[in-house]
Amino acid sequence: VGLIGERGREVKDFIDNILGDEGRRRAAVVAAPADTSALQRLQG
């Protein structure tokens, strides 16, 4: 999962409530929220 440019609140909500424990066990999440630099978002 690549969460690129989203709000920081949505990152935690997606991981905890939407992805859930079942999905997270087999998932790798890369988060580059909106408050990171443009390079971090591209790199993410």
PDB file of all heavy atoms in Angstrom:
ATOM      1  N   VAL A   1       0.847  -1.182   0.000  1.00  0.00           N
ATOM      2  CA  VAL A   1       0.000   0.000   0.000  1.00  0.00           C
ATOM      3  C   VAL A   1       0.888   1.239   0.000  1.00  0.00           C
ATOM      4  O   VAL A   1       1.760   1.389   0.866  1.00  0.00           O
ATOM      5  CB  VAL A   1      -0.938   0.025   1.226  1.00  0.00           C
ATOM      6  CG1 VAL A   1      -1.842   1.258   1.178  1.00  0.00           C
ATOM      7  CG2 VAL A   1      -1.781  -1.240   1.283  1.00  0.00           C
ATOM      8  N   GLY A   2       0.680   2.127  -0.949  1.00  0.00           N
ATOM      9  CA  GLY A   2       1.376   3.403  -0.996  1.00  0.00           C
ATOM     10  C   GLY A   2       0.393   4.524  -0.736  1.00  0.00           C
ATOM     11  O   GLY A   2      -0.457   4.796  -1.582  1.00  0.00           O
ATOM     12  N   LEU A   3       0.485   5.157   0.426  1.00  0.00           N
ATOM     13  CA  LEU A   3      -0.389   6.282   0.779  1.00  0.00           C
ATOM     14  C   LEU A   3       0.391   7.558   0.500  1.00  0.00           C
ATOM     15  O   LEU A   3       1.210   8.005   1.308  1.00  0.00           O
ATOM     16  CB  LEU A   3      -0.808   6.187   2.247  1.00  0.00           C
ATOM     17  CG  LEU A   3      -1.565   4.902   2.621  1.00  0.00           C
ATOM     18  CD1 LEU A   3      -1.850   4.863   4.115  1.00  0.00           C
ATOM     19  CD2 LEU A   3      -2.863   4.789   1.829  1.00  0.00           C
ATOM     20  N   ILE A   4       0.139   8.136  -0.666  1.00  0.00           N
ATOM     21  CA  ILE A   4       0.950   9.243  -1.173  1.00  0.00           C
ATOM     22  C   ILE A   4       0.136  10.537  -1.144  1.00  0.00           C
ATOM     23  O   ILE A   4      -0.900  10.649  -1.815  1.00  0.00           O
ATOM     24  CB  ILE A   4       1.435   8.972  -2.613  1.00  0.00           C
ATOM     25  CG1 ILE A   4       2.066   7.584  -2.704  1.00  0.00           C
ATOM     26  CG2 ILE A   4       2.392  10.059  -3.072  1.00  0.00           C
ATOM     27  CD1 ILE A   4       3.237   7.368  -1.787  1.00  0.00           C
ATOM     28  N   GLY A   5       0.586  11.507  -0.361  1.00  0.00           N
ATOM     29  CA  GLY A   5      -0.030  12.824  -0.344  1.00  0.00           C
ATOM     30  C   GLY A   5      -1.350  12.900   0.388  1.00  0.00           C
ATOM     31  O   GLY A   5      -2.063  13.906   0.265  1.00  0.00           O
ATOM     32  N   GLU A   6      -1.709  11.874   1.154  1.00  0.00           N
ATOM     33  CA  GLU A   6      -2.971  11.902   1.889  1.00  0.00           C
ATOM     34  C   GLU A   6      -2.786  12.616   3.230  1.00  0.00           C
ATOM     35  O   GLU A   6      -1.668  12.834   3.692  1.00  0.00           O
ATOM     36  CB  GLU A   6      -3.478  10.478   2.115  1.00  0.00           C
ATOM     37  CG  GLU A   6      -3.841   9.735   0.851  1.00  0.00           C
ATOM     38  CD  GLU A   6      -4.946  10.409   0.071  1.00  0.00           C
ATOM     39  OE1 GLU A   6      -5.954  10.824   0.683  1.00  0.00           O
ATOM     40  OE2 GLU A   6      -4.805  10.563  -1.152  1.00  0.00           O
ATOM     41  N   ARG A   7      -3.898  12.958   3.869  1.00  0.00           N
ATOM     42  CA  ARG A   7      -3.840  13.574   5.193  1.00  0.00           C
ATOM     43  C   ARG A   7      -3.307  12.576   6.210  1.00  0.00           C
ATOM     44  O   ARG A   7      -3.581  11.376   6.132  1.00  0.00           O
ATOM     45  CB  ARG A   7      -5.219  14.070   5.616  1.00  0.00           C
ATOM     46  CG  ARG A   7      -5.754  15.193   4.757  1.00  0.00           C
ATOM     47  CD  ARG A   7      -7.073  15.717   5.304  1.00  0.00           C
ATOM     48  NE  ARG A   7      -8.151  14.750   5.132  1.00  0.00           N
ATOM     49  CZ  ARG A   7      -8.910  14.654   4.055  1.00  0.00           C
ATOM     50  NH1 ARG A   7      -8.692  15.457   3.035  1.00  0.00           N
ATOM     51  NH2 ARG A   7      -9.879  13.758   3.979  1.00  0.00           N
ATOM     52  N   GLY A   8      -2.554  13.099   7.194  1.00  0.00           N
ATOM     53  CA  GLY A   8      -1.973  12.227   8.200  1.00  0.00           C
ATOM     54  C   GLY A   8      -3.020  11.437   8.967  1.00  0.00           C
ATOM     55  O   GLY A   8      -2.797  10.279   9.328  1.00  0.00           O
ATOM     56  N   ARG A   9      -4.167  12.046   9.231  1.00  0.00           N
ATOM     57  CA  ARG A   9      -5.231  11.343   9.938  1.00  0.00           C
ATOM     58  C   ARG A   9      -5.728  10.162   9.126  1.00  0.00           C
ATOM     59  O   ARG A   9      -6.023   9.088   9.673  1.00  0.00           O
ATOM     60  CB  ARG A   9      -6.385  12.308  10.218  1.00  0.00           C
ATOM     61  CG  ARG A   9      -7.559  11.662  10.954  1.00  0.00           C
ATOM     62  CD  ARG A   9      -8.785  12.543  10.899  1.00  0.00           C
ATOM     63  NE  ARG A   9      -9.270  12.722   9.534  1.00  0.00           N
ATOM     64  CZ  ARG A   9     -10.008  11.834   8.870  1.00  0.00           C
ATOM     65  NH1 ARG A   9     -10.309  10.681   9.424  1.00  0.00           N
ATOM     66  NH2 ARG A   9     -10.408  12.082   7.639  1.00  0.00           N
ATOM     67  N   GLU A  10      -5.820  10.327   7.803  1.00  0.00           N
ATOM     68  CA  GLU A  10      -6.312   9.256   6.950  1.00  0.00           C
ATOM     69  C   GLU A  10      -5.335   8.084   6.902  1.00  0.00           C
ATOM     70  O   GLU A  10      -5.744   6.939   6.702  1.00  0.00           O
ATOM     71  CB  GLU A  10      -6.575   9.784   5.547  1.00  0.00           C
ATOM     72  CG  GLU A  10      -7.789  10.703   5.443  1.00  0.00           C
ATOM     73  CD  GLU A  10      -8.116  11.052   4.007  1.00  0.00           C
ATOM     74  OE1 GLU A  10      -7.232  10.854   3.143  1.00  0.00           O
ATOM     75  OE2 GLU A  10      -9.241  11.505   3.758  1.00  0.00           O
ATOM     76  N   VAL A  11      -4.041   8.363   7.068  1.00  0.00           N
ATOM     77  CA  VAL A  11      -3.050   7.282   7.057  1.00  0.00           C
ATOM     78  C   VAL A  11      -3.305   6.320   8.216  1.00  0.00           C
ATOM     79  O   VAL A  11      -3.402   5.100   8.029  1.00  0.00           O
ATOM     80  CB  VAL A  11      -1.621   7.867   7.130  1.00  0.00           C
ATOM     81  CG1 VAL A  11      -0.602   6.748   7.319  1.00  0.00           C
ATOM     82  CG2 VAL A  11      -1.300   8.663   5.876  1.00  0.00           C
ATOM     83  N   LYS A  12      -3.434   6.851   9.421  1.00  0.00           N
ATOM     84  CA  LYS A  12      -3.681   6.000  10.587  1.00  0.00           C
ATOM     85  C   LYS A  12      -5.048   5.333  10.501  1.00  0.00           C
ATOM     86  O   LYS A  12      -5.204   4.160  10.850  1.00  0.00           O
ATOM     87  CB  LYS A  12      -3.578   6.840  11.864  1.00  0.00           C
ATOM     88  CG  LYS A  12      -3.754   6.023  13.145  1.00  0.00           C
ATOM     89  CD  LYS A  12      -3.415   6.828  14.364  1.00  0.00           C
ATOM     90  CE  LYS A  12      -3.644   6.032  15.647  1.00  0.00           C
ATOM     91  NZ  LYS A  12      -2.829   4.809  15.668  1.00  0.00           N
ATOM     92  N   ASP A  13      -6.046   6.064  10.012  1.00  0.00           N
ATOM     93  CA  ASP A  13      -7.384   5.487   9.895  1.00  0.00           C
ATOM     94  C   ASP A  13      -7.395   4.343   8.898  1.00  0.00           C
ATOM     95  O   ASP A  13      -8.035   3.311   9.129  1.00  0.00           O
ATOM     96  CB  ASP A  13      -8.377   6.575   9.474  1.00  0.00           C
ATOM     97  CG  ASP A  13      -9.803   6.044   9.370  1.00  0.00           C
ATOM     98  OD1 ASP A  13     -10.375   5.693  10.409  1.00  0.00           O
ATOM     99  OD2 ASP A  13     -10.332   5.993   8.238  1.00  0.00           O
ATOM    100  N   PHE A  14      -6.694   4.495   7.786  1.00  0.00           N
ATOM    101  CA  PHE A  14      -6.642   3.432   6.777  1.00  0.00           C
ATOM    102  C   PHE A  14      -5.963   2.192   7.347  1.00  0.00           C
ATOM    103  O   PHE A  14      -6.427   1.065   7.134  1.00  0.00           O
ATOM    104  CB  PHE A  14      -5.898   3.927   5.536  1.00  0.00           C
ATOM    105  CG  PHE A  14      -5.895   2.945   4.396  1.00  0.00           C
ATOM    106  CD1 PHE A  14      -6.873   2.996   3.430  1.00  0.00           C
ATOM    107  CD2 PHE A  14      -4.912   1.968   4.283  1.00  0.00           C
ATOM    108  CE1 PHE A  14      -6.888   2.091   2.364  1.00  0.00           C
ATOM    109  CE2 PHE A  14      -4.918   1.064   3.237  1.00  0.00           C
ATOM    110  CZ  PHE A  14      -5.909   1.125   2.280  1.00  0.00           C
ATOM    111  N   ILE A  15      -4.889   2.380   8.086  1.00  0.00           N
ATOM    112  CA  ILE A  15      -4.138   1.242   8.611  1.00  0.00           C
ATOM    113  C   ILE A  15      -4.926   0.522   9.702  1.00  0.00           C
ATOM    114  O   ILE A  15      -5.031  -0.709   9.712  1.00  0.00           O
ATOM    115  CB  ILE A  15      -2.770   1.713   9.132  1.00  0.00           C
ATOM    116  CG1 ILE A  15      -1.906   2.218   7.969  1.00  0.00           C
ATOM    117  CG2 ILE A  15      -2.054   0.582   9.866  1.00  0.00           C
ATOM    118  CD1 ILE A  15      -0.642   2.903   8.397  1.00  0.00           C
ATOM    119  N   ASP A  16      -5.503   1.280  10.631  1.00  0.00           N
ATOM    120  CA  ASP A  16      -6.149   0.666  11.802  1.00  0.00           C
ATOM    121  C   ASP A  16      -7.561   0.171  11.498  1.00  0.00           C
ATOM    122  O   ASP A  16      -7.929  -0.937  11.901  1.00  0.00           O
ATOM    123  CB  ASP A  16      -6.198   1.675  12.955  1.00  0.00           C
ATOM    124  CG  ASP A  16      -4.813   2.010  13.480  1.00  0.00           C
ATOM    125  OD1 ASP A  16      -3.876   1.233  13.204  1.00  0.00           O
ATOM    126  OD2 ASP A  16      -4.654   3.043  14.140  1.00  0.00           O
ATOM    127  N   ASN A  17      -8.359   0.984  10.802  1.00  0.00           N
ATOM    128  CA  ASN A  17      -9.779   0.676  10.660  1.00  0.00           C
ATOM    129  C   ASN A  17     -10.159   0.076   9.315  1.00  0.00           C
ATOM    130  O   ASN A  17     -11.068  -0.750   9.241  1.00  0.00           O
ATOM    131  CB  ASN A  17     -10.611   1.950  10.897  1.00  0.00           C
ATOM    132  CG  ASN A  17     -10.357   2.546  12.268  1.00  0.00           C
ATOM    133  OD1 ASN A  17     -10.139   1.826  13.235  1.00  0.00           O
ATOM    134  ND2 ASN A  17     -10.371   3.878  12.352  1.00  0.00           N
ATOM    135  N   ILE A  18      -9.495   0.502   8.248  1.00  0.00           N
ATOM    136  CA  ILE A  18      -9.886   0.038   6.918  1.00  0.00           C
ATOM    137  C   ILE A  18      -9.081  -1.188   6.505  1.00  0.00           C
ATOM    138  O   ILE A  18      -9.637  -2.209   6.086  1.00  0.00           O
ATOM    139  CB  ILE A  18      -9.738   1.179   5.888  1.00  0.00           C
ATOM    140  CG1 ILE A  18     -10.685   2.340   6.257  1.00  0.00           C
ATOM    141  CG2 ILE A  18     -10.034   0.679   4.488  1.00  0.00           C
ATOM    142  CD1 ILE A  18     -10.585   3.532   5.338  1.00  0.00           C
ATOM    143  N   LEU A  19      -7.770  -1.127   6.661  1.00  0.00           N
ATOM    144  CA  LEU A  19      -6.943  -2.289   6.325  1.00  0.00           C
ATOM    145  C   LEU A  19      -7.142  -3.398   7.354  1.00  0.00           C
ATOM    146  O   LEU A  19      -7.323  -4.561   7.003  1.00  0.00           O
ATOM    147  CB  LEU A  19      -5.474  -1.877   6.258  1.00  0.00           C
ATOM    148  CG  LEU A  19      -4.469  -2.910   5.745  1.00  0.00           C
ATOM    149  CD1 LEU A  19      -4.817  -3.320   4.328  1.00  0.00           C
ATOM    150  CD2 LEU A  19      -3.057  -2.352   5.797  1.00  0.00           C
ATOM    151  N   GLY A  20      -7.154  -3.037   8.628  1.00  0.00           N
ATOM    152  CA  GLY A  20      -7.428  -4.012   9.682  1.00  0.00           C
ATOM    153  C   GLY A  20      -6.259  -4.948   9.953  1.00  0.00           C
ATOM    154  O   GLY A  20      -5.264  -4.975   9.224  1.00  0.00           O
ATOM    155  N   ASP A  21      -6.391  -5.715  11.032  1.00  0.00           N
ATOM    156  CA  ASP A  21      -5.316  -6.633  11.427  1.00  0.00           C
ATOM    157  C   ASP A  21      -5.085  -7.730  10.390  1.00  0.00           C
ATOM    158  O   ASP A  21      -3.948  -8.112  10.107  1.00  0.00           O
ATOM    159  CB  ASP A  21      -5.646  -7.273  12.781  1.00  0.00           C
ATOM    160  CG  ASP A  21      -5.655  -6.252  13.915  1.00  0.00           C
ATOM    161  OD1 ASP A  21      -4.978  -5.221  13.766  1.00  0.00           O
ATOM    162  OD2 ASP A  21      -6.346  -6.486  14.919  1.00  0.00           O
ATOM    163  N   GLU A  22      -6.182  -8.232   9.803  1.00  0.00           N
ATOM    164  CA  GLU A  22      -6.057  -9.308   8.830  1.00  0.00           C
ATOM    165  C   GLU A  22      -5.281  -8.868   7.599  1.00  0.00           C
ATOM    166  O   GLU A  22      -4.404  -9.581   7.091  1.00  0.00           O
ATOM    167  CB  GLU A  22      -7.440  -9.806   8.430  1.00  0.00           C
ATOM    168  CG  GLU A  22      -7.434 -10.920   7.384  1.00  0.00           C
ATOM    169  CD  GLU A  22      -8.825 -11.297   6.908  1.00  0.00           C
ATOM    170  OE1 GLU A  22      -9.809 -10.798   7.489  1.00  0.00           O
ATOM    171  OE2 GLU A  22      -8.917 -12.070   5.954  1.00  0.00           O
ATOM    172  N   GLY A  23      -5.619  -7.674   7.090  1.00  0.00           N
ATOM    173  CA  GLY A  23      -4.917  -7.182   5.910  1.00  0.00           C
ATOM    174  C   GLY A  23      -3.500  -6.745   6.215  1.00  0.00           C
ATOM    175  O   GLY A  23      -2.601  -6.910   5.388  1.00  0.00           O
ATOM    176  N   ARG A  24      -3.280  -6.198   7.403  1.00  0.00           N
ATOM    177  CA  ARG A  24      -1.957  -5.654   7.712  1.00  0.00           C
ATOM    178  C   ARG A  24      -0.906  -6.736   7.863  1.00  0.00           C
ATOM    179  O   ARG A  24       0.270  -6.513   7.581  1.00  0.00           O
ATOM    180  CB  ARG A  24      -2.047  -4.812   8.989  1.00  0.00           C
ATOM    181  CG  ARG A  24      -0.748  -4.092   9.323  1.00  0.00           C
ATOM    182  CD  ARG A  24      -0.911  -3.134  10.480  1.00  0.00           C
ATOM    183  NE  ARG A  24       0.355  -2.553  10.862  1.00  0.00           N
ATOM    184  CZ  ARG A  24       0.518  -1.671  11.834  1.00  0.00           C
ATOM    185  NH1 ARG A  24      -0.534  -1.252  12.521  1.00  0.00           N
ATOM    186  NH2 ARG A  24       1.709  -1.200  12.125  1.00  0.00           N
ATOM    187  N   ARG A  25      -1.295  -7.924   8.298  1.00  0.00           N
ATOM    188  CA  ARG A  25      -0.322  -8.996   8.512  1.00  0.00           C
ATOM    189  C   ARG A  25       0.426  -9.366   7.233  1.00  0.00           C
ATOM    190  O   ARG A  25       1.579  -9.776   7.296  1.00  0.00           O
ATOM    191  CB  ARG A  25      -1.006 -10.228   9.084  1.00  0.00           C
ATOM    192  CG  ARG A  25      -1.252 -10.157  10.586  1.00  0.00           C
ATOM    193  CD  ARG A  25      -1.635 -11.522  11.137  1.00  0.00           C
ATOM    194  NE  ARG A  25      -2.926 -11.969  10.611  1.00  0.00           N
ATOM    195  CZ  ARG A  25      -4.083 -11.735  11.216  1.00  0.00           C
ATOM    196  NH1 ARG A  25      -4.109 -11.036  12.343  1.00  0.00           N
ATOM    197  NH2 ARG A  25      -5.221 -12.177  10.698  1.00  0.00           N
ATOM    198  N   ARG A  26      -0.224  -9.228   6.099  1.00  0.00           N
ATOM    199  CA  ARG A  26       0.449  -9.577   4.835  1.00  0.00           C
ATOM    200  C   ARG A  26       0.703  -8.344   3.976  1.00  0.00           C
ATOM    201  O   ARG A  26       0.842  -8.430   2.758  1.00  0.00           O
ATOM    202  CB  ARG A  26      -0.399 -10.582   4.055  1.00  0.00           C
ATOM    203  CG  ARG A  26      -1.812 -10.139   3.782  1.00  0.00           C
ATOM    204  CD  ARG A  26      -2.624 -11.201   3.080  1.00  0.00           C
ATOM    205  NE  ARG A  26      -4.010 -10.774   2.878  1.00  0.00           N
ATOM    206  CZ  ARG A  26      -4.657 -10.876   1.747  1.00  0.00           C
ATOM    207  NH1 ARG A  26      -4.048 -11.404   0.693  1.00  0.00           N
ATOM    208  NH2 ARG A  26      -5.909 -10.485   1.642  1.00  0.00           N
ATOM    209  N   ALA A  27       0.744  -7.166   4.612  1.00  0.00           N
ATOM    210  CA  ALA A  27       0.880  -5.915   3.864  1.00  0.00           C
ATOM    211  C   ALA A  27       2.113  -5.137   4.298  1.00  0.00           C
ATOM    212  O   ALA A  27       2.531  -5.187   5.464  1.00  0.00           O
ATOM    213  CB  ALA A  27      -0.365  -5.052   4.057  1.00  0.00           C
ATOM    214  N   ALA A  28       2.695  -4.442   3.344  1.00  0.00           N
ATOM    215  CA  ALA A  28       3.749  -3.463   3.610  1.00  0.00           C
ATOM    216  C   ALA A  28       3.185  -2.094   3.226  1.00  0.00           C
ATOM    217  O   ALA A  28       2.714  -1.911   2.104  1.00  0.00           O
ATOM    218  CB  ALA A  28       4.997  -3.774   2.794  1.00  0.00           C
ATOM    219  N   VAL A  29       3.220  -1.148   4.152  1.00  0.00           N
ATOM    220  CA  VAL A  29       2.606   0.162   3.939  1.00  0.00           C
ATOM    221  C   VAL A  29       3.698   1.214   3.866  1.00  0.00           C
ATOM    222  O   VAL A  29       4.544   1.316   4.765  1.00  0.00           O
ATOM    223  CB  VAL A  29       1.613   0.509   5.072  1.00  0.00           C
ATOM    224  CG1 VAL A  29       0.985   1.879   4.822  1.00  0.00           C
ATOM    225  CG2 VAL A  29       0.528  -0.552   5.178  1.00  0.00           C
ATOM    226  N   VAL A  30       3.685   2.002   2.784  1.00  0.00           N
ATOM    227  CA  VAL A  30       4.590   3.135   2.616  1.00  0.00           C
ATOM    228  C   VAL A  30       3.744   4.400   2.692  1.00  0.00           C
ATOM    229  O   VAL A  30       2.846   4.600   1.873  1.00  0.00           O
ATOM    230  CB  VAL A  30       5.335   3.073   1.273  1.00  0.00           C
ATOM    231  CG1 VAL A  30       6.269   4.273   1.132  1.00  0.00           C
ATOM    232  CG2 VAL A  30       6.118   1.771   1.141  1.00  0.00           C
ATOM    233  N   ALA A  31       4.025   5.237   3.682  1.00  0.00           N
ATOM    234  CA  ALA A  31       3.223   6.436   3.909  1.00  0.00           C
ATOM    235  C   ALA A  31       4.076   7.677   3.703  1.00  0.00           C
ATOM    236  O   ALA A  31       5.100   7.860   4.365  1.00  0.00           O
ATOM    237  CB  ALA A  31       2.638   6.424   5.324  1.00  0.00           C
ATOM    238  N   ALA A  32       3.645   8.526   2.775  1.00  0.00           N
ATOM    239  CA  ALA A  32       4.268   9.829   2.551  1.00  0.00           C
ATOM    240  C   ALA A  32       3.146  10.857   2.546  1.00  0.00           C
ATOM    241  O   ALA A  32       2.621  11.216   1.493  1.00  0.00           O
ATOM    242  CB  ALA A  32       5.032   9.847   1.224  1.00  0.00           C
ATOM    243  N   PRO A  33       2.717  11.321   3.735  1.00  0.00           N
ATOM    244  CA  PRO A  33       1.538  12.195   3.825  1.00  0.00           C
ATOM    245  C   PRO A  33       1.735  13.545   3.143  1.00  0.00           C
ATOM    246  O   PRO A  33       2.822  13.863   2.631  1.00  0.00           O
ATOM    247  CB  PRO A  33       1.344  12.363   5.346  1.00  0.00           C
ATOM    248  CG  PRO A  33       2.147  11.274   5.970  1.00  0.00           C
ATOM    249  CD  PRO A  33       3.275  10.992   5.032  1.00  0.00           C
ATOM    250  N   ALA A  34       0.684  14.350   3.176  1.00  0.00           N
ATOM    251  CA  ALA A  34       0.683  15.626   2.467  1.00  0.00           C
ATOM    252  C   ALA A  34       1.688  16.612   3.041  1.00  0.00           C
ATOM    253  O   ALA A  34       2.143  17.514   2.333  1.00  0.00           O
ATOM    254  CB  ALA A  34      -0.727  16.226   2.496  1.00  0.00           C
ATOM    255  N   ASP A  35       2.040  16.471   4.339  1.00  0.00           N
ATOM    256  CA  ASP A  35       2.959  17.435   4.944  1.00  0.00           C
ATOM    257  C   ASP A  35       4.421  17.100   4.691  1.00  0.00           C
ATOM    258  O   ASP A  35       5.308  17.819   5.149  1.00  0.00           O
ATOM    259  CB  ASP A  35       2.698  17.537   6.453  1.00  0.00           C
ATOM    260  CG  ASP A  35       2.871  16.210   7.170  1.00  0.00           C
ATOM    261  OD1 ASP A  35       2.899  15.170   6.480  1.00  0.00           O
ATOM    262  OD2 ASP A  35       2.975  16.209   8.407  1.00  0.00           O
ATOM    263  N   THR A  36       4.708  16.018   3.976  1.00  0.00           N
ATOM    264  CA  THR A  36       6.087  15.712   3.608  1.00  0.00           C
ATOM    265  C   THR A  36       6.455  16.459   2.333  1.00  0.00           C
ATOM    266  O   THR A  36       5.604  16.998   1.621  1.00  0.00           O
ATOM    267  CB  THR A  36       6.274  14.197   3.399  1.00  0.00           C
ATOM    268  OG1 THR A  36       5.377  13.749   2.378  1.00  0.00           O
ATOM    269  CG2 THR A  36       5.982  13.444   4.685  1.00  0.00           C
ATOM    270  N   SER A  37       7.738  16.471   2.025  1.00  0.00           N
ATOM    271  CA  SER A  37       8.201  17.195   0.838  1.00  0.00           C
ATOM    272  C   SER A  37       7.759  16.493  -0.438  1.00  0.00           C
ATOM    273  O   SER A  37       7.392  15.313  -0.433  1.00  0.00           O
ATOM    274  CB  SER A  37       9.730  17.303   0.859  1.00  0.00           C
ATOM    275  OG  SER A  37      10.316  16.020   0.683  1.00  0.00           O
ATOM    276  N   ALA A  38       7.790  17.233  -1.527  1.00  0.00           N
ATOM    277  CA  ALA A  38       7.414  16.663  -2.818  1.00  0.00           C
ATOM    278  C   ALA A  38       8.323  15.486  -3.182  1.00  0.00           C
ATOM    279  O   ALA A  38       7.871  14.488  -3.754  1.00  0.00           O
ATOM    280  CB  ALA A  38       7.475  17.740  -3.902  1.00  0.00           C
ATOM    281  N   LEU A  39       9.594  15.586  -2.836  1.00  0.00           N
ATOM    282  CA  LEU A  39      10.519  14.490  -3.125  1.00  0.00           C
ATOM    283  C   LEU A  39      10.172  13.240  -2.333  1.00  0.00           C
ATOM    284  O   LEU A  39      10.258  12.124  -2.843  1.00  0.00           O
ATOM    285  CB  LEU A  39      11.954  14.922  -2.791  1.00  0.00           C
ATOM    286  CG  LEU A  39      12.748  15.581  -3.919  1.00  0.00           C
ATOM    287  CD1 LEU A  39      14.120  15.968  -3.427  1.00  0.00           C
ATOM    288  CD2 LEU A  39      12.857  14.652  -5.108  1.00  0.00           C
ATOM    289  N   GLN A  40       9.756  13.425  -1.065  1.00  0.00           N
ATOM    290  CA  GLN A  40       9.359  12.275  -0.265  1.00  0.00           C
ATOM    291  C   GLN A  40       8.144  11.590  -0.872  1.00  0.00           C
ATOM    292  O   GLN A  40       8.032  10.361  -0.858  1.00  0.00           O
ATOM    293  CB  GLN A  40       9.034  12.722   1.172  1.00  0.00           C
ATOM    294  CG  GLN A  40      10.256  12.903   2.051  1.00  0.00           C
ATOM    295  CD  GLN A  40      10.709  11.602   2.681  1.00  0.00           C
ATOM    296  OE1 GLN A  40      10.322  10.523   2.267  1.00  0.00           O
ATOM    297  NE2 GLN A  40      11.552  11.699   3.694  1.00  0.00           N
ATOM    298  N   ARG A  41       7.203  12.363  -1.418  1.00  0.00           N
ATOM    299  CA  ARG A  41       6.017  11.767  -2.027  1.00  0.00           C
ATOM    300  C   ARG A  41       6.382  11.000  -3.298  1.00  0.00           C
ATOM    301  O   ARG A  41       5.884   9.900  -3.534  1.00  0.00           O
ATOM    302  CB  ARG A  41       4.989  12.861  -2.321  1.00  0.00           C
ATOM    303  CG  ARG A  41       4.188  13.302  -1.086  1.00  0.00           C
ATOM    304  CD  ARG A  41       3.336  14.511  -1.389  1.00  0.00           C
ATOM    305  NE  ARG A  41       4.060  15.743  -1.089  1.00  0.00           N
ATOM    306  CZ  ARG A  41       3.828  16.897  -1.675  1.00  0.00           C
ATOM    307  NH1 ARG A  41       2.923  16.997  -2.624  1.00  0.00           N
ATOM    308  NH2 ARG A  41       4.507  17.966  -1.333  1.00  0.00           N
ATOM    309  N   LEU A  42       7.250  11.582  -4.113  1.00  0.00           N
ATOM    310  CA  LEU A  42       7.706  10.863  -5.310  1.00  0.00           C
ATOM    311  C   LEU A  42       8.462   9.595  -4.918  1.00  0.00           C
ATOM    312  O   LEU A  42       8.247   8.521  -5.487  1.00  0.00           O
ATOM    313  CB  LEU A  42       8.620  11.760  -6.139  1.00  0.00           C
ATOM    314  CG  LEU A  42       7.997  12.860  -6.991  1.00  0.00           C
ATOM    315  CD1 LEU A  42       9.080  13.554  -7.796  1.00  0.00           C
ATOM    316  CD2 LEU A  42       6.938  12.307  -7.905  1.00  0.00           C
ATOM    317  N   GLN A  43       9.334   9.729  -3.925  1.00  0.00           N
ATOM    318  CA  GLN A  43      10.147   8.598  -3.494  1.00  0.00           C
ATOM    319  C   GLN A  43       9.278   7.515  -2.873  1.00  0.00           C
ATOM    320  O   GLN A  43       9.528   6.321  -3.051  1.00  0.00           O
ATOM    321  CB  GLN A  43      11.183   9.099  -2.483  1.00  0.00           C
ATOM    322  CG  GLN A  43      12.318   8.152  -2.228  1.00  0.00           C
ATOM    323  CD  GLN A  43      13.455   8.827  -1.501  1.00  0.00           C
ATOM    324  OE1 GLN A  43      14.394   9.336  -2.096  1.00  0.00           O
ATOM    325  NE2 GLN A  43      13.384   8.833  -0.183  1.00  0.00           N
ATOM    326  N   GLY A  44       8.220   7.927  -2.150  1.00  0.00           N
ATOM    327  CA  GLY A  44       7.319   6.954  -1.546  1.00  0.00           C
ATOM    328  C   GLY A  44       6.606   6.110  -2.588  1.00  0.00           C
ATOM    329  O   GLY A  44       6.469   4.889  -2.429  1.00  0.00           O
TER     330      GLY A  44
END
